[in-house]
Amino acid sequence: MQQIFNILSRALSIALHPLFIPTYGMMLYMAAMLVRTPSLPSLYINIGIITTFILTALIPIILMLILWKRGSISSLHIDNATERTTPYIYTLICFGFWCYFVTEVIQLPLVWTCIAIGATVALLLVTIINHWWKISAHLTGIGGLLGGICSIAMYYSIFPIIPICCVLALSLLVMYARLHLNAHTPLQVVCGYLLGILCTFLPNLIIYYA
């Protein structure tokens, strides 16, 4: 039974890896926009999702594979906190290009600019904090997803209860998975989650009520 829980926890950690969160967020947004605007071109949707995946997941993963092959990191999970700085910096650069793509290329609304920049700031803060404390990047990622959904809900004056409930449920599962794998302490998990929510939701909250 313990082995089954270990496998499930690792599978969940991979499926909800922080690098995949921006792509999930973009997919949810494009799906919502398609409901509101059925005439939205499929090319626009595909470019948004695929480019987001390439910039925030595929390129960082390739760079991590290169670092692993060179022996710069001992594992693709980067469980060793001291090995995280270089991969995080490379990922930050990719996220910077993603912010430019979201803002200038496909020109999503201001709410999305704040979400993308907020996610990048969250990654920067995780990189800095990681020098002293192994805050949970997984929970920062899914917390950022929740903050992004709440931002879009506020921007469009809607209440997407199903996506919010699903993300909350997944958040609890990821928390359990990271704790079960002894990857983090409860405080590291909670702080990572709050950091993600604040970085993506707070800027939009300030702009909305400014």
Protein backbone atom coordinates (compact mmCIF):
# COMPACT_ATOMS: atom_id res chain seq x y z
CA MET A 1 0.00 0.00 0.00
CA GLN A 2 2.85 2.35 0.85
CA GLN A 3 4.40 1.72 -2.54
CA ILE A 4 1.10 2.50 -4.28
CA PHE A 5 0.86 5.82 -2.43
CA ASN A 6 4.45 6.60 -3.41
CA ILE A 7 3.70 5.93 -7.08
CA LEU A 8 0.49 7.98 -7.00
CA SER A 9 2.24 10.85 -5.22
CA ARG A 10 5.05 10.93 -7.78
CA ALA A 11 2.58 10.69 -10.67
CA LEU A 12 0.59 13.60 -9.27
CA SER A 13 3.77 15.61 -8.71
CA ILE A 14 4.70 15.09 -12.37
CA ALA A 15 1.22 15.78 -13.78
CA LEU A 16 0.92 18.98 -11.75
CA HIS A 17 4.55 20.04 -12.05
CA PRO A 18 4.93 23.85 -11.86
CA LEU A 19 6.17 23.94 -15.46
CA PHE A 20 2.84 22.59 -16.72
CA ILE A 21 0.65 25.02 -14.77
CA PRO A 22 0.84 27.96 -17.25
CA THR A 23 -0.27 25.63 -20.05
CA TYR A 24 -3.21 24.36 -17.98
CA GLY A 25 -4.14 27.95 -17.19
CA MET A 26 -3.98 28.97 -20.85
CA MET A 27 -6.11 25.96 -21.85
CA LEU A 28 -8.77 26.86 -19.28
CA TYR A 29 -8.79 30.49 -20.41
CA MET A 30 -9.03 29.65 -24.11
CA ALA A 31 -11.84 27.18 -23.37
CA ALA A 32 -13.73 29.88 -21.47
CA MET A 33 -13.18 32.39 -24.26
CA LEU A 34 -14.44 29.88 -26.80
CA VAL A 35 -17.68 29.57 -24.85
CA ARG A 36 -18.05 33.36 -24.70
CA THR A 37 -16.87 33.91 -28.29
CA PRO A 38 -17.56 30.84 -30.46
CA SER A 39 -16.07 32.60 -33.48
CA LEU A 40 -12.64 32.81 -31.83
CA PRO A 41 -10.17 31.49 -34.47
CA SER A 42 -8.78 28.03 -33.71
CA LEU A 43 -5.37 29.19 -34.94
CA TYR A 44 -5.31 31.89 -32.24
CA ILE A 45 -6.25 29.33 -29.58
CA ASN A 46 -3.64 26.81 -30.75
CA ILE A 47 -0.88 29.42 -30.95
CA GLY A 48 -1.67 30.59 -27.42
CA ILE A 49 -1.63 27.11 -25.90
CA ILE A 50 1.26 25.61 -27.88
CA THR A 51 3.56 28.60 -27.50
CA THR A 52 2.83 28.75 -23.78
CA PHE A 53 3.75 25.07 -23.50
CA ILE A 54 6.97 25.55 -25.49
CA LEU A 55 8.14 28.59 -23.51
CA THR A 56 7.14 27.55 -20.00
CA ALA A 57 7.52 23.76 -20.13
CA LEU A 58 9.27 22.25 -23.14
CA ILE A 59 12.34 24.52 -23.28
CA PRO A 60 12.90 24.46 -19.47
CA ILE A 61 12.58 20.65 -19.47
CA ILE A 62 15.11 20.35 -22.31
CA LEU A 63 17.49 22.65 -20.42
CA MET A 64 17.08 20.52 -17.28
CA LEU A 65 17.83 17.37 -19.28
CA ILE A 66 21.02 19.00 -20.53
CA LEU A 67 22.01 19.98 -16.96
CA TRP A 68 21.26 16.44 -15.78
CA LYS A 69 23.35 14.90 -18.55
CA ARG A 70 26.23 17.20 -17.64
CA GLY A 71 25.95 16.27 -13.97
CA SER A 72 24.95 19.78 -12.86
CA ILE A 73 21.84 18.33 -11.21
CA SER A 74 21.59 14.86 -9.73
CA SER A 75 17.91 14.32 -10.53
CA LEU A 76 15.27 15.71 -12.84
CA HIS A 77 13.08 16.18 -9.75
CA ILE A 78 15.77 18.55 -8.39
CA ASP A 79 15.04 17.43 -4.83
CA ASN A 80 18.36 18.93 -3.72
CA ALA A 81 17.63 22.59 -2.95
CA THR A 82 21.23 23.65 -3.68
CA GLU A 83 20.89 22.45 -7.29
CA ARG A 84 17.77 24.45 -8.06
CA THR A 85 19.24 27.89 -8.71
CA THR A 86 20.57 27.35 -12.25
CA PRO A 87 17.44 25.57 -13.58
CA TYR A 88 15.26 28.24 -11.98
CA ILE A 89 17.24 31.05 -13.62
CA TYR A 90 16.91 29.42 -17.05
CA THR A 91 13.19 28.97 -16.42
CA LEU A 92 12.88 32.61 -15.37
CA ILE A 93 14.31 33.69 -18.72
CA CYS A 94 11.78 31.49 -20.53
CA PHE A 95 8.96 32.94 -18.44
CA GLY A 96 10.15 36.43 -19.37
CA PHE A 97 9.72 35.59 -23.05
CA TRP A 98 6.29 34.14 -22.20
CA CYS A 99 5.25 37.44 -20.58
CA TYR A 100 6.26 39.24 -23.76
CA PHE A 101 4.33 36.72 -25.87
CA VAL A 102 1.16 37.07 -23.79
CA THR A 103 1.33 40.86 -23.74
CA GLU A 104 2.65 41.82 -27.17
CA VAL A 105 2.11 38.88 -29.53
CA ILE A 106 -1.36 37.50 -28.81
CA GLN A 107 -2.26 40.61 -26.79
CA LEU A 108 -4.36 39.06 -24.06
CA PRO A 109 -6.22 41.40 -21.66
CA LEU A 110 -4.42 43.23 -18.84
CA VAL A 111 -5.59 40.59 -16.37
CA TRP A 112 -3.45 38.03 -18.20
CA THR A 113 -0.42 40.32 -18.26
CA CYS A 114 -0.69 40.57 -14.48
CA ILE A 115 -1.07 36.80 -14.16
CA ALA A 116 1.97 36.08 -16.36
CA ILE A 117 4.15 38.66 -14.64
CA GLY A 118 2.88 37.50 -11.24
CA ALA A 119 3.81 33.90 -12.05
CA THR A 120 7.27 35.05 -13.11
CA VAL A 121 7.68 37.08 -9.91
CA ALA A 122 6.57 34.05 -7.89
CA LEU A 123 9.26 31.95 -9.60
CA LEU A 124 11.83 34.66 -8.88
CA LEU A 125 10.85 34.74 -5.21
CA VAL A 126 11.00 30.93 -5.01
CA THR A 127 14.50 31.08 -6.53
CA ILE A 128 15.62 33.63 -3.93
CA ILE A 129 13.94 31.95 -0.95
CA ASN A 130 15.37 28.59 -2.03
CA HIS A 131 18.85 29.77 -0.97
CA TRP A 132 17.73 29.61 2.65
CA TRP A 133 14.55 27.57 2.71
CA LYS A 134 13.09 24.88 0.44
CA ILE A 135 9.70 26.44 -0.26
CA SER A 136 7.38 24.26 -2.35
CA ALA A 137 7.48 25.21 -6.05
CA HIS A 138 4.67 22.71 -6.75
CA LEU A 139 2.30 24.50 -4.40
CA THR A 140 3.45 27.89 -5.64
CA GLY A 141 2.47 26.77 -9.13
CA ILE A 142 -0.99 25.45 -8.32
CA GLY A 143 -1.58 28.38 -5.96
CA GLY A 144 -0.77 30.64 -8.89
CA LEU A 145 -3.33 28.77 -10.99
CA LEU A 146 -6.01 29.37 -8.37
CA GLY A 147 -5.04 33.03 -8.14
CA GLY A 148 -5.21 33.30 -11.92
CA ILE A 149 -8.68 31.76 -12.09
CA CYS A 150 -9.90 34.11 -9.35
CA SER A 151 -8.40 37.07 -11.22
CA ILE A 152 -10.18 36.16 -14.45
CA ALA A 153 -13.41 35.53 -12.54
CA MET A 154 -13.14 39.01 -11.03
CA TYR A 155 -12.22 40.60 -14.38
CA TYR A 156 -15.23 39.11 -16.20
CA SER A 157 -17.60 39.22 -13.19
CA ILE A 158 -18.23 35.47 -13.25
CA PHE A 159 -17.96 32.68 -10.69
CA PRO A 160 -16.52 29.50 -12.27
CA ILE A 161 -17.34 27.25 -9.35
CA ILE A 162 -16.36 23.97 -11.05
CA PRO A 163 -12.80 25.05 -12.03
CA ILE A 164 -12.27 26.63 -8.60
CA CYS A 165 -13.47 23.53 -6.75
CA CYS A 166 -11.36 21.27 -8.99
CA VAL A 167 -8.22 23.35 -8.40
CA LEU A 168 -8.86 23.42 -4.64
CA ALA A 169 -9.24 19.62 -4.62
CA LEU A 170 -6.06 19.19 -6.68
CA SER A 171 -4.27 21.58 -4.34
CA LEU A 172 -5.07 19.37 -1.37
CA LEU A 173 -3.91 16.28 -3.28
CA VAL A 174 -0.62 17.94 -4.27
CA MET A 175 -0.09 19.06 -0.68
CA TYR A 176 -0.56 15.49 0.48
CA ALA A 177 1.70 14.14 -2.28
CA ARG A 178 4.59 16.51 -1.46
CA LEU A 179 4.29 15.77 2.26
CA HIS A 180 3.97 12.03 1.66
CA LEU A 181 7.18 12.07 -0.40
CA ASN A 182 8.92 14.01 2.40
CA ALA A 183 9.80 16.67 -0.18
CA HIS A 184 8.68 19.51 2.10
CA THR A 185 7.46 20.39 5.57
CA PRO A 186 3.83 21.49 6.08
CA LEU A 187 4.96 25.11 6.49
CA GLN A 188 6.92 25.03 3.22
CA VAL A 189 3.86 23.67 1.44
CA VAL A 190 1.45 26.26 2.88
CA CYS A 191 3.83 29.18 2.30
CA GLY A 192 4.39 28.10 -1.31
CA TYR A 193 0.64 27.94 -1.89
CA LEU A 194 0.01 31.38 -0.41
CA LEU A 195 2.91 32.86 -2.38
CA GLY A 196 1.44 31.58 -5.65
CA ILE A 197 -2.03 32.92 -4.90
CA LEU A 198 -0.78 36.34 -3.83
CA CYS A 199 1.54 36.84 -6.80
CA THR A 200 -1.12 36.18 -9.44
CA PHE A 201 -4.22 37.53 -7.68
CA LEU A 202 -3.03 40.53 -5.66
CA PRO A 203 -1.87 42.65 -8.66
CA ASN A 204 -5.22 42.17 -10.39
CA LEU A 205 -7.07 42.92 -7.15
CA ILE A 206 -5.18 46.19 -6.77
CA ILE A 207 -5.80 47.20 -10.41
CA TYR A 208 -9.47 46.22 -10.21
CA TYR A 209 -10.16 48.42 -7.19
CA ALA A 210 -7.71 51.21 -8.09
